Amino acid sequence: MARAMDELEARAQCQLDALYGVQERIGEVRTVEGSADGCVRVEVDGAGGLVGLRFSPTAPRLGADALATVIVETATRAAHRALSERAVITADFVERFTDLISCTTTQSDPRN
């Protein structure tokens, strides 16, 4: 009985480690995108949230409305890329889910 519990605990720990690994990988996703004219550079995280915004010295010449449009368009492209990367990480995890159900402590790093 104790051995069965130890094996169950080991499998659960392996699965939990894999979940933490996916969460960590998604947390590390960062995408940088620049506008076509080079006036704006944005950085987004794995959720597509804006975490960085930089302007070139010429950006103010665009005017407020045009600059706003460039920011939104550039951030949207960056968010799409970040969410695509996140989807790849998630799909990889889902694909390996069956292996995680039978996970043993002898397997290597579950994040790979």
PDB file of N, CA and C in Angstrom:
ATOM      1  N   MET A   1       0.818  -1.191   0.000  1.00  0.00           N
ATOM      2  CA  MET A   1       0.000   0.000   0.000  1.00  0.00           C
ATOM      3  C   MET A   1       0.865   1.261   0.000  1.00  0.00           C
ATOM      4  N   ALA A   2       1.936   1.252   0.802  1.00  0.00           N
ATOM      5  CA  ALA A   2       2.807   2.423   0.857  1.00  0.00           C
ATOM      6  C   ALA A   2       3.492   2.654  -0.483  1.00  0.00           C
ATOM      7  N   ARG A   3       3.861   1.576  -1.151  1.00  0.00           N
ATOM      8  CA  ARG A   3       4.515   1.716  -2.454  1.00  0.00           C
ATOM      9  C   ARG A   3       3.558   2.339  -3.474  1.00  0.00           C
ATOM     10  N   ALA A   4       2.302   1.907  -3.452  1.00  0.00           N
ATOM     11  CA  ALA A   4       1.304   2.466  -4.373  1.00  0.00           C
ATOM     12  C   ALA A   4       1.117   3.964  -4.112  1.00  0.00           C
ATOM     13  N   MET A   5       1.110   4.345  -2.858  1.00  0.00           N
ATOM     14  CA  MET A   5       0.973   5.766  -2.509  1.00  0.00           C
ATOM     15  C   MET A   5       2.210   6.547  -2.955  1.00  0.00           C
ATOM     16  N   ASP A   6       3.380   5.958  -2.776  1.00  0.00           N
ATOM     17  CA  ASP A   6       4.608   6.617  -3.222  1.00  0.00           C
ATOM     18  C   ASP A   6       4.600   6.825  -4.735  1.00  0.00           C
ATOM     19  N   GLU A   7       4.149   5.807  -5.475  1.00  0.00           N
ATOM     20  CA  GLU A   7       4.074   5.920  -6.928  1.00  0.00           C
ATOM     21  C   GLU A   7       3.050   6.970  -7.344  1.00  0.00           C
ATOM     22  N   LEU A   8       1.923   6.990  -6.660  1.00  0.00           N
ATOM     23  CA  LEU A   8       0.893   7.994  -6.948  1.00  0.00           C
ATOM     24  C   LEU A   8       1.421   9.398  -6.679  1.00  0.00           C
ATOM     25  N   GLU A   9       2.101   9.555  -5.565  1.00  0.00           N
ATOM     26  CA  GLU A   9       2.676  10.857  -5.226  1.00  0.00           C
ATOM     27  C   GLU A   9       3.735  11.275  -6.251  1.00  0.00           C
ATOM     28  N   ALA A  10       4.555  10.337  -6.689  1.00  0.00           N
ATOM     29  CA  ALA A  10       5.598  10.637  -7.679  1.00  0.00           C
ATOM     30  C   ALA A  10       4.973  11.052  -9.012  1.00  0.00           C
ATOM     31  N   ARG A  11       3.935  10.336  -9.442  1.00  0.00           N
ATOM     32  CA  ARG A  11       3.250  10.704 -10.693  1.00  0.00           C
ATOM     33  C   ARG A  11       2.620  12.093 -10.574  1.00  0.00           C
ATOM     34  N   ALA A  12       1.969  12.336  -9.446  1.00  0.00           N
ATOM     35  CA  ALA A  12       1.329  13.641  -9.240  1.00  0.00           C
ATOM     36  C   ALA A  12       2.375  14.756  -9.240  1.00  0.00           C
ATOM     37  N   GLN A  13       3.515  14.518  -8.620  1.00  0.00           N
ATOM     38  CA  GLN A  13       4.577  15.524  -8.598  1.00  0.00           C
ATOM     39  C   GLN A  13       5.125  15.771  -9.990  1.00  0.00           C
ATOM     40  N   CYS A  14       5.288  14.710 -10.769  1.00  0.00           N
ATOM     41  CA  CYS A  14       5.778  14.849 -12.133  1.00  0.00           C
ATOM     42  C   CYS A  14       4.797  15.675 -12.966  1.00  0.00           C
ATOM     43  N   GLN A  15       3.519  15.388 -12.832  1.00  0.00           N
ATOM     44  CA  GLN A  15       2.498  16.136 -13.562  1.00  0.00           C
ATOM     45  C   GLN A  15       2.468  17.595 -13.125  1.00  0.00           C
ATOM     46  N   LEU A  16       2.580  17.824 -11.834  1.00  0.00           N
ATOM     47  CA  LEU A  16       2.602  19.191 -11.319  1.00  0.00           C
ATOM     48  C   LEU A  16       3.832  19.941 -11.832  1.00  0.00           C
ATOM     49  N   ASP A  17       4.967  19.276 -11.859  1.00  0.00           N
ATOM     50  CA  ASP A  17       6.181  19.890 -12.399  1.00  0.00           C
ATOM     51  C   ASP A  17       6.000  20.276 -13.862  1.00  0.00           C
ATOM     52  N   ALA A  18       5.333  19.402 -14.619  1.00  0.00           N
ATOM     53  CA  ALA A  18       5.087  19.694 -16.032  1.00  0.00           C
ATOM     54  C   ALA A  18       4.173  20.911 -16.179  1.00  0.00           C
ATOM     55  N   LEU A  19       3.151  20.992 -15.344  1.00  0.00           N
ATOM     56  CA  LEU A  19       2.257  22.155 -15.386  1.00  0.00           C
ATOM     57  C   LEU A  19       3.001  23.433 -15.040  1.00  0.00           C
ATOM     58  N   TYR A  20       3.836  23.365 -14.014  1.00  0.00           N
ATOM     59  CA  TYR A  20       4.646  24.533 -13.656  1.00  0.00           C
ATOM     60  C   TYR A  20       5.588  24.912 -14.799  1.00  0.00           C
ATOM     61  N   GLY A  21       6.128  23.894 -15.472  1.00  0.00           N
ATOM     62  CA  GLY A  21       7.022  24.151 -16.597  1.00  0.00           C
ATOM     63  C   GLY A  21       6.318  24.879 -17.722  1.00  0.00           C
ATOM     64  N   VAL A  22       5.102  24.469 -18.039  1.00  0.00           N
ATOM     65  CA  VAL A  22       4.329  25.140 -19.091  1.00  0.00           C
ATOM     66  C   VAL A  22       4.023  26.568 -18.668  1.00  0.00           C
ATOM     67  N   GLN A  23       3.623  26.720 -17.428  1.00  0.00           N
ATOM     68  CA  GLN A  23       3.323  28.064 -16.907  1.00  0.00           C
ATOM     69  C   GLN A  23       4.566  28.955 -16.988  1.00  0.00           C
ATOM     70  N   GLU A  24       5.703  28.406 -16.653  1.00  0.00           N
ATOM     71  CA  GLU A  24       6.958  29.159 -16.707  1.00  0.00           C
ATOM     72  C   GLU A  24       7.307  29.546 -18.147  1.00  0.00           C
ATOM     73  N   ARG A  25       7.168  28.597 -19.055  1.00  0.00           N
ATOM     74  CA  ARG A  25       7.460  28.888 -20.469  1.00  0.00           C
ATOM     75  C   ARG A  25       6.545  29.976 -21.012  1.00  0.00           C
ATOM     76  N   ILE A  26       5.271  29.902 -20.683  1.00  0.00           N
ATOM     77  CA  ILE A  26       4.335  30.932 -21.136  1.00  0.00           C
ATOM     78  C   ILE A  26       4.692  32.274 -20.502  1.00  0.00           C
ATOM     79  N   GLY A  27       5.098  32.257 -19.241  1.00  0.00           N
ATOM     80  CA  GLY A  27       5.487  33.492 -18.562  1.00  0.00           C
ATOM     81  C   GLY A  27       6.724  34.137 -19.157  1.00  0.00           C
ATOM     82  N   GLU A  28       7.545  33.347 -19.823  1.00  0.00           N
ATOM     83  CA  GLU A  28       8.770  33.869 -20.441  1.00  0.00           C
ATOM     84  C   GLU A  28       8.556  34.396 -21.851  1.00  0.00           C
ATOM     85  N   VAL A  29       7.375  34.179 -22.409  1.00  0.00           N
ATOM     86  CA  VAL A  29       7.113  34.634 -23.776  1.00  0.00           C
ATOM     87  C   VAL A  29       7.134  36.166 -23.817  1.00  0.00           C
ATOM     88  N   ARG A  30       7.927  36.692 -24.718  1.00  0.00           N
ATOM     89  CA  ARG A  30       7.988  38.135 -24.985  1.00  0.00           C
ATOM     90  C   ARG A  30       8.142  38.296 -26.486  1.00  0.00           C
ATOM     91  N   THR A  31       7.376  39.185 -27.051  1.00  0.00           N
ATOM     92  CA  THR A  31       7.448  39.444 -28.480  1.00  0.00           C
ATOM     93  C   THR A  31       7.643  40.929 -28.698  1.00  0.00           C
ATOM     94  N   VAL A  32       8.605  41.267 -29.530  1.00  0.00           N
ATOM     95  CA  VAL A  32       8.885  42.664 -29.871  1.00  0.00           C
ATOM     96  C   VAL A  32       8.526  42.863 -31.342  1.00  0.00           C
ATOM     97  N   GLU A  33       7.844  43.944 -31.608  1.00  0.00           N
ATOM     98  CA  GLU A  33       7.424  44.258 -32.975  1.00  0.00           C
ATOM     99  C   GLU A  33       7.645  45.745 -33.213  1.00  0.00           C
ATOM    100  N   GLY A  34       8.141  46.071 -34.380  1.00  0.00           N
ATOM    101  CA  GLY A  34       8.327  47.468 -34.758  1.00  0.00           C
ATOM    102  C   GLY A  34       7.358  47.858 -35.855  1.00  0.00           C
ATOM    103  N   SER A  35       6.987  49.109 -35.862  1.00  0.00           N
ATOM    104  CA  SER A  35       6.106  49.596 -36.926  1.00  0.00           C
ATOM    105  C   SER A  35       6.885  49.646 -38.237  1.00  0.00           C
ATOM    106  N   ALA A  36       6.160  49.637 -39.331  1.00  0.00           N
ATOM    107  CA  ALA A  36       6.791  49.652 -40.655  1.00  0.00           C
ATOM    108  C   ALA A  36       7.657  50.881 -40.851  1.00  0.00           C
ATOM    109  N   ASP A  37       7.245  52.003 -40.293  1.00  0.00           N
ATOM    110  CA  ASP A  37       7.995  53.247 -40.463  1.00  0.00           C
ATOM    111  C   ASP A  37       9.089  53.426 -39.419  1.00  0.00           C
ATOM    112  N   GLY A  38       9.176  52.498 -38.468  1.00  0.00           N
ATOM    113  CA  GLY A  38      10.215  52.555 -37.449  1.00  0.00           C
ATOM    114  C   GLY A  38       9.953  53.543 -36.317  1.00  0.00           C
ATOM    115  N   CYS A  39       8.788  54.139 -36.289  1.00  0.00           N
ATOM    116  CA  CYS A  39       8.483  55.133 -35.260  1.00  0.00           C
ATOM    117  C   CYS A  39       8.111  54.527 -33.913  1.00  0.00           C
ATOM    118  N   VAL A  40       7.599  53.309 -33.939  1.00  0.00           N
ATOM    119  CA  VAL A  40       7.072  52.687 -32.725  1.00  0.00           C
ATOM    120  C   VAL A  40       7.649  51.287 -32.578  1.00  0.00           C
ATOM    121  N   ARG A  41       7.962  50.930 -31.348  1.00  0.00           N
ATOM    122  CA  ARG A  41       8.408  49.568 -31.023  1.00  0.00           C
ATOM    123  C   ARG A  41       7.650  49.140 -29.778  1.00  0.00           C
ATOM    124  N   VAL A  42       6.991  47.992 -29.851  1.00  0.00           N
ATOM    125  CA  VAL A  42       6.231  47.499 -28.712  1.00  0.00           C
ATOM    126  C   VAL A  42       6.750  46.132 -28.281  1.00  0.00           C
ATOM    127  N   GLU A  43       6.542  45.825 -27.024  1.00  0.00           N
ATOM    128  CA  GLU A  43       6.858  44.512 -26.487  1.00  0.00           C
ATOM    129  C   GLU A  43       5.626  44.031 -25.739  1.00  0.00           C
ATOM    130  N   VAL A  44       5.234  42.776 -25.996  1.00  0.00           N
ATOM    131  CA  VAL A  44       4.090  42.194 -25.313  1.00  0.00           C
ATOM    132  C   VAL A  44       4.496  40.902 -24.629  1.00  0.00           C
ATOM    133  N   ASP A  45       3.723  40.526 -23.622  1.00  0.00           N
ATOM    134  CA  ASP A  45       3.991  39.290 -22.893  1.00  0.00           C
ATOM    135  C   ASP A  45       3.193  38.135 -23.506  1.00  0.00           C
ATOM    136  N   GLY A  46       3.251  36.980 -22.863  1.00  0.00           N
ATOM    137  CA  GLY A  46       2.597  35.782 -23.379  1.00  0.00           C
ATOM    138  C   GLY A  46       1.089  35.851 -23.417  1.00  0.00           C
ATOM    139  N   ALA A  47       0.512  36.798 -22.722  1.00  0.00           N
ATOM    140  CA  ALA A  47      -0.942  36.999 -22.763  1.00  0.00           C
ATOM    141  C   ALA A  47      -1.323  38.069 -23.783  1.00  0.00           C
ATOM    142  N   GLY A  48      -0.318  38.628 -24.450  1.00  0.00           N
ATOM    143  CA  GLY A  48      -0.575  39.690 -25.418  1.00  0.00           C
ATOM    144  C   GLY A  48      -0.653  41.069 -24.792  1.00  0.00           C
ATOM    145  N   GLY A  49      -0.329  41.159 -23.510  1.00  0.00           N
ATOM    146  CA  GLY A  49      -0.378  42.445 -22.808  1.00  0.00           C
ATOM    147  C   GLY A  49       0.855  43.289 -23.082  1.00  0.00           C
ATOM    148  N   LEU A  50       0.642  44.549 -23.262  1.00  0.00           N
ATOM    149  CA  LEU A  50       1.727  45.490 -23.541  1.00  0.00           C
ATOM    150  C   LEU A  50       2.625  45.635 -22.318  1.00  0.00           C
ATOM    151  N   VAL A  51       3.926  45.376 -22.492  1.00  0.00           N
ATOM    152  CA  VAL A  51       4.879  45.523 -21.392  1.00  0.00           C
ATOM    153  C   VAL A  51       5.992  46.511 -21.721  1.00  0.00           C
ATOM    154  N   GLY A  52       6.023  46.974 -22.968  1.00  0.00           N
ATOM    155  CA  GLY A  52       7.039  47.942 -23.359  1.00  0.00           C
ATOM    156  C   GLY A  52       6.580  48.730 -24.575  1.00  0.00           C
ATOM    157  N   LEU A  53       6.889  50.019 -24.574  1.00  0.00           N
ATOM    158  CA  LEU A  53       6.515  50.886 -25.681  1.00  0.00           C
ATOM    159  C   LEU A  53       7.596  51.938 -25.845  1.00  0.00           C
ATOM    160  N   ARG A  54       8.168  52.005 -27.048  1.00  0.00           N
ATOM    161  CA  ARG A  54       9.224  52.979 -27.334  1.00  0.00           C
ATOM    162  C   ARG A  54       8.891  53.728 -28.610  1.00  0.00           C
ATOM    163  N   PHE A  55       9.308  54.973 -28.622  1.00  0.00           N
ATOM    164  CA  PHE A  55       9.079  55.820 -29.786  1.00  0.00           C
ATOM    165  C   PHE A  55      10.402  56.322 -30.330  1.00  0.00           C
ATOM    166  N   SER A  56      10.463  56.475 -31.632  1.00  0.00           N
ATOM    167  CA  SER A  56      11.634  57.096 -32.237  1.00  0.00           C
ATOM    168  C   SER A  56      11.469  58.613 -32.077  1.00  0.00           C
ATOM    169  N   PRO A  57      12.536  59.350 -32.246  1.00  0.00           N
ATOM    170  CA  PRO A  57      12.435  60.809 -32.135  1.00  0.00           C
ATOM    171  C   PRO A  57      11.465  61.424 -33.150  1.00  0.00           C
ATOM    172  N   THR A  58      11.206  60.721 -34.246  1.00  0.00           N
ATOM    173  CA  THR A  58      10.303  61.256 -35.269  1.00  0.00           C
ATOM    174  C   THR A  58       8.834  60.916 -35.022  1.00  0.00           C
ATOM    175  N   ALA A  59       8.533  60.088 -34.052  1.00  0.00           N
ATOM    176  CA  ALA A  59       7.156  59.651 -33.804  1.00  0.00           C
ATOM    177  C   ALA A  59       6.173  60.798 -33.575  1.00  0.00           C
ATOM    178  N   PRO A  60       6.516  61.829 -32.820  1.00  0.00           N
ATOM    179  CA  PRO A  60       5.547  62.909 -32.594  1.00  0.00           C
ATOM    180  C   PRO A  60       5.102  63.625 -33.864  1.00  0.00           C
ATOM    181  N   ARG A  61       5.894  63.552 -34.901  1.00  0.00           N
ATOM    182  CA  ARG A  61       5.532  64.212 -36.161  1.00  0.00           C
ATOM    183  C   ARG A  61       4.315  63.577 -36.838  1.00  0.00           C
ATOM    184  N   LEU A  62       3.983  62.366 -36.444  1.00  0.00           N
ATOM    185  CA  LEU A  62       2.835  61.686 -37.036  1.00  0.00           C
ATOM    186  C   LEU A  62       1.506  62.333 -36.634  1.00  0.00           C
ATOM    187  N   GLY A  63       1.483  62.967 -35.493  1.00  0.00           N
ATOM    188  CA  GLY A  63       0.226  63.485 -34.965  1.00  0.00           C
ATOM    189  C   GLY A  63      -0.423  62.432 -34.085  1.00  0.00           C
ATOM    190  N   ALA A  64      -1.284  62.882 -33.188  1.00  0.00           N
ATOM    191  CA  ALA A  64      -1.866  61.998 -32.178  1.00  0.00           C
ATOM    192  C   ALA A  64      -2.668  60.855 -32.775  1.00  0.00           C
ATOM    193  N   ASP A  65      -3.565  61.141 -33.716  1.00  0.00           N
ATOM    194  CA  ASP A  65      -4.421  60.087 -34.276  1.00  0.00           C
ATOM    195  C   ASP A  65      -3.609  59.054 -35.054  1.00  0.00           C
ATOM    196  N   ALA A  66      -2.708  59.508 -35.884  1.00  0.00           N
ATOM    197  CA  ALA A  66      -1.892  58.579 -36.676  1.00  0.00           C
ATOM    198  C   ALA A  66      -0.970  57.767 -35.766  1.00  0.00           C
ATOM    199  N   LEU A  67      -0.410  58.414 -34.759  1.00  0.00           N
ATOM    200  CA  LEU A  67       0.472  57.702 -33.828  1.00  0.00           C
ATOM    201  C   LEU A  67      -0.310  56.640 -33.059  1.00  0.00           C
ATOM    202  N   ALA A  68      -1.514  56.978 -32.634  1.00  0.00           N
ATOM    203  CA  ALA A  68      -2.358  56.011 -31.928  1.00  0.00           C
ATOM    204  C   ALA A  68      -2.641  54.799 -32.807  1.00  0.00           C
ATOM    205  N   THR A  69      -2.933  55.046 -34.065  1.00  0.00           N
ATOM    206  CA  THR A  69      -3.209  53.951 -35.001  1.00  0.00           C
ATOM    207  C   THR A  69      -1.978  53.061 -35.170  1.00  0.00           C
ATOM    208  N   VAL A  70      -0.823  53.672 -35.313  1.00  0.00           N
ATOM    209  CA  VAL A  70       0.422  52.903 -35.474  1.00  0.00           C
ATOM    210  C   VAL A  70       0.693  52.067 -34.228  1.00  0.00           C
ATOM    211  N   ILE A  71       0.476  52.643 -33.059  1.00  0.00           N
ATOM    212  CA  ILE A  71       0.687  51.903 -31.809  1.00  0.00           C
ATOM    213  C   ILE A  71      -0.228  50.689 -31.756  1.00  0.00           C
ATOM    214  N   VAL A  72      -1.511  50.890 -32.012  1.00  0.00           N
ATOM    215  CA  VAL A  72      -2.480  49.792 -31.936  1.00  0.00           C
ATOM    216  C   VAL A  72      -2.172  48.715 -32.972  1.00  0.00           C
ATOM    217  N   GLU A  73      -1.885  49.106 -34.191  1.00  0.00           N
ATOM    218  CA  GLU A  73      -1.570  48.121 -35.237  1.00  0.00           C
ATOM    219  C   GLU A  73      -0.314  47.326 -34.895  1.00  0.00           C
ATOM    220  N   THR A  74       0.705  48.006 -34.399  1.00  0.00           N
ATOM    221  CA  THR A  74       1.962  47.330 -34.056  1.00  0.00           C
ATOM    222  C   THR A  74       1.764  46.407 -32.864  1.00  0.00           C
ATOM    223  N   ALA A  75       1.044  46.876 -31.862  1.00  0.00           N
ATOM    224  CA  ALA A  75       0.774  46.044 -30.684  1.00  0.00           C
ATOM    225  C   ALA A  75      -0.078  44.830 -31.053  1.00  0.00           C
ATOM    226  N   THR A  76      -0.995  45.012 -31.963  1.00  0.00           N
ATOM    227  CA  THR A  76      -1.840  43.890 -32.402  1.00  0.00           C
ATOM    228  C   THR A  76      -1.002  42.818 -33.084  1.00  0.00           C
ATOM    229  N   ARG A  77      -0.087  43.217 -33.949  1.00  0.00           N
ATOM    230  CA  ARG A  77       0.795  42.240 -34.609  1.00  0.00           C
ATOM    231  C   ARG A  77       1.657  41.507 -33.571  1.00  0.00           C
ATOM    232  N   ALA A  78       2.179  42.254 -32.614  1.00  0.00           N
ATOM    233  CA  ALA A  78       3.005  41.634 -31.575  1.00  0.00           C
ATOM    234  C   ALA A  78       2.177  40.655 -30.739  1.00  0.00           C
ATOM    235  N   ALA A  79       0.959  41.040 -30.401  1.00  0.00           N
ATOM    236  CA  ALA A  79       0.091  40.170 -29.599  1.00  0.00           C
ATOM    237  C   ALA A  79      -0.236  38.885 -30.365  1.00  0.00           C
ATOM    238  N   HIS A  80      -0.503  39.003 -31.651  1.00  0.00           N
ATOM    239  CA  HIS A  80      -0.777  37.803 -32.452  1.00  0.00           C
ATOM    240  C   HIS A  80       0.416  36.861 -32.436  1.00  0.00           C
ATOM    241  N   ARG A  81       1.605  37.398 -32.568  1.00  0.00           N
ATOM    242  CA  ARG A  81       2.810  36.556 -32.533  1.00  0.00           C
ATOM    243  C   ARG A  81       2.983  35.901 -31.166  1.00  0.00           C
ATOM    244  N   ALA A  82       2.787  36.676 -30.104  1.00  0.00           N
ATOM    245  CA  ALA A  82       2.942  36.141 -28.747  1.00  0.00           C
ATOM    246  C   ALA A  82       1.910  35.044 -28.477  1.00  0.00           C
ATOM    247  N   LEU A  83       0.675  35.285 -28.882  1.00  0.00           N
ATOM    248  CA  LEU A  83      -0.369  34.292 -28.644  1.00  0.00           C
ATOM    249  C   LEU A  83      -0.151  33.048 -29.503  1.00  0.00           C
ATOM    250  N   SER A  84       0.440  33.209 -30.668  1.00  0.00           N
ATOM    251  CA  SER A  84       0.796  32.043 -31.488  1.00  0.00           C
ATOM    252  C   SER A  84       1.867  31.210 -30.800  1.00  0.00           C
ATOM    253  N   GLU A  85       2.844  31.887 -30.218  1.00  0.00           N
ATOM    254  CA  GLU A  85       3.893  31.169 -29.492  1.00  0.00           C
ATOM    255  C   GLU A  85       3.300  30.452 -28.277  1.00  0.00           C
ATOM    256  N   ARG A  86       2.407  31.128 -27.596  1.00  0.00           N
ATOM    257  CA  ARG A  86       1.732  30.523 -26.444  1.00  0.00           C
ATOM    258  C   ARG A  86       0.932  29.296 -26.880  1.00  0.00           C
ATOM    259  N   ALA A  87       0.275  29.381 -28.027  1.00  0.00           N
ATOM    260  CA  ALA A  87      -0.507  28.253 -28.541  1.00  0.00           C
ATOM    261  C   ALA A  87       0.378  27.057 -28.848  1.00  0.00           C
ATOM    262  N   VAL A  88       1.575  27.300 -29.367  1.00  0.00           N
ATOM    263  CA  VAL A  88       2.512  26.210 -29.646  1.00  0.00           C
ATOM    264  C   VAL A  88       2.923  25.527 -28.343  1.00  0.00           C
ATOM    265  N   ILE A  89       3.214  26.309 -27.327  1.00  0.00           N
ATOM    266  CA  ILE A  89       3.591  25.750 -26.018  1.00  0.00           C
ATOM    267  C   ILE A  89       2.448  24.919 -25.455  1.00  0.00           C
ATOM    268  N   THR A  90       1.242  25.442 -25.529  1.00  0.00           N
ATOM    269  CA  THR A  90       0.076  24.736 -25.006  1.00  0.00           C
ATOM    270  C   THR A  90      -0.199  23.465 -25.805  1.00  0.00           C
ATOM    271  N   ALA A  91      -0.107  23.550 -27.127  1.00  0.00           N
ATOM    272  CA  ALA A  91      -0.344  22.371 -27.969  1.00  0.00           C
ATOM    273  C   ALA A  91       0.672  21.277 -27.672  1.00  0.00           C
ATOM    274  N   ASP A  92       1.923  21.670 -27.451  1.00  0.00           N
ATOM    275  CA  ASP A  92       2.967  20.707 -27.103  1.00  0.00           C
ATOM    276  C   ASP A  92       2.614  20.006 -25.794  1.00  0.00           C
ATOM    277  N   PHE A  93       2.157  20.772 -24.820  1.00  0.00           N
ATOM    278  CA  PHE A  93       1.781  20.196 -23.536  1.00  0.00           C
ATOM    279  C   PHE A  93       0.601  19.239 -23.698  1.00  0.00           C
ATOM    280  N   VAL A  94      -0.412  19.646 -24.436  1.00  0.00           N
ATOM    281  CA  VAL A  94      -1.583  18.801 -24.634  1.00  0.00           C
ATOM    282  C   VAL A  94      -1.198  17.509 -25.352  1.00  0.00           C
ATOM    283  N   GLU A  95      -0.321  17.629 -26.335  1.00  0.00           N
ATOM    284  CA  GLU A  95       0.139  16.452 -27.075  1.00  0.00           C
ATOM    285  C   GLU A  95       0.829  15.455 -26.149  1.00  0.00           C
ATOM    286  N   ARG A  96       1.534  15.967 -25.170  1.00  0.00           N
ATOM    287  CA  ARG A  96       2.265  15.089 -24.245  1.00  0.00           C
ATOM    288  C   ARG A  96       1.437  14.688 -23.032  1.00  0.00           C
ATOM    289  N   PHE A  97       0.184  15.106 -22.977  1.00  0.00           N
ATOM    290  CA  PHE A  97      -0.634  14.864 -21.791  1.00  0.00           C
ATOM    291  C   PHE A  97      -0.743  13.385 -21.449  1.00  0.00           C
ATOM    292  N   THR A  98      -0.922  12.542 -22.431  1.00  0.00           N
ATOM    293  CA  THR A  98      -1.029  11.098 -22.185  1.00  0.00           C
ATOM    294  C   THR A  98       0.224  10.578 -21.501  1.00  0.00           C
ATOM    295  N   ASP A  99       1.382  11.048 -21.947  1.00  0.00           N
ATOM    296  CA  ASP A  99       2.623  10.627 -21.309  1.00  0.00           C
ATOM    297  C   ASP A  99       2.688  11.095 -19.864  1.00  0.00           C
ATOM    298  N   LEU A 100       2.138  12.261 -19.598  1.00  0.00           N
ATOM    299  CA  LEU A 100       2.172  12.790 -18.228  1.00  0.00           C
ATOM    300  C   LEU A 100       1.299  11.978 -17.283  1.00  0.00           C
ATOM    301  N   ILE A 101       0.245  11.386 -17.810  1.00  0.00           N
ATOM    302  CA  ILE A 101      -0.634  10.573 -16.962  1.00  0.00           C
ATOM    303  C   ILE A 101       0.124   9.363 -16.439  1.00  0.00           C
ATOM    304  N   SER A 102       1.020   8.817 -17.249  1.00  0.00           N
ATOM    305  CA  SER A 102       1.796   7.661 -16.810  1.00  0.00           C
ATOM    306  C   SER A 102       3.213   8.051 -16.416  1.00  0.00           C
ATOM    307  N   CYS A 103       3.416   9.307 -16.129  1.00  0.00           N
ATOM    308  CA  CYS A 103       4.727   9.849 -15.787  1.00  0.00           C
ATOM    309  C   CYS A 103       5.338   9.111 -14.599  1.00  0.00           C
ATOM    310  N   THR A 104       6.646   8.861 -14.703  1.00  0.00           N
ATOM    311  CA  THR A 104       7.366   8.256 -13.585  1.00  0.00           C
ATOM    312  C   THR A 104       8.512   9.170 -13.200  1.00  0.00           C
ATOM    313  N   THR A 105       9.078   8.939 -12.076  1.00  0.00           N
ATOM    314  CA  THR A 105      10.166   9.787 -11.588  1.00  0.00           C
ATOM    315  C   THR A 105      11.449   9.565 -12.362  1.00  0.00           C
ATOM    316  N   THR A 106      11.509   8.554 -13.229  1.00  0.00           N
ATOM    317  CA  THR A 106      12.741   8.300 -13.976  1.00  0.00           C
ATOM    318  C   THR A 106      12.822   9.135 -15.242  1.00  0.00           C
ATOM    319  N   GLN A 107      11.730   9.838 -15.598  1.00  0.00           N
ATOM    320  CA  GLN A 107      11.770  10.661 -16.798  1.00  0.00           C
ATOM    321  C   GLN A 107      12.619  11.901 -16.564  1.00  0.00           C
ATOM    322  N   SER A 108      13.106  12.439 -17.662  1.00  0.00           N
ATOM    323  CA  SER A 108      13.897  13.659 -17.569  1.00  0.00           C
ATOM    324  C   SER A 108      12.979  14.847 -17.367  1.00  0.00           C
ATOM    325  N   ASP A 109      13.524  16.025 -17.421  1.00  0.00           N
ATOM    326  CA  ASP A 109      12.805  17.274 -17.198  1.00  0.00           C
ATOM    327  C   ASP A 109      11.499  17.298 -17.990  1.00  0.00           C
ATOM    328  N   PRO A 110      10.328  17.376 -17.329  1.00  0.00           N
ATOM    329  CA  PRO A 110       9.052  17.325 -18.018  1.00  0.00           C
ATOM    330  C   PRO A 110       8.751  18.553 -18.854  1.00  0.00           C
ATOM    331  N   ARG A 111       9.554  19.621 -18.758  1.00  0.00           N
ATOM    332  CA  ARG A 111       9.311  20.837 -19.531  1.00  0.00           C
ATOM    333  C   ARG A 111       9.843  20.700 -20.953  1.00  0.00           C
ATOM    334  N   ASN A 112      10.643  19.695 -21.230  1.00  0.00           N
ATOM    335  CA  ASN A 112      11.227  19.526 -22.560  1.00  0.00           C
ATOM    336  C   ASN A 112      10.316  18.745 -23.457  1.00  0.00           C
TER     337      ASN A 112
END
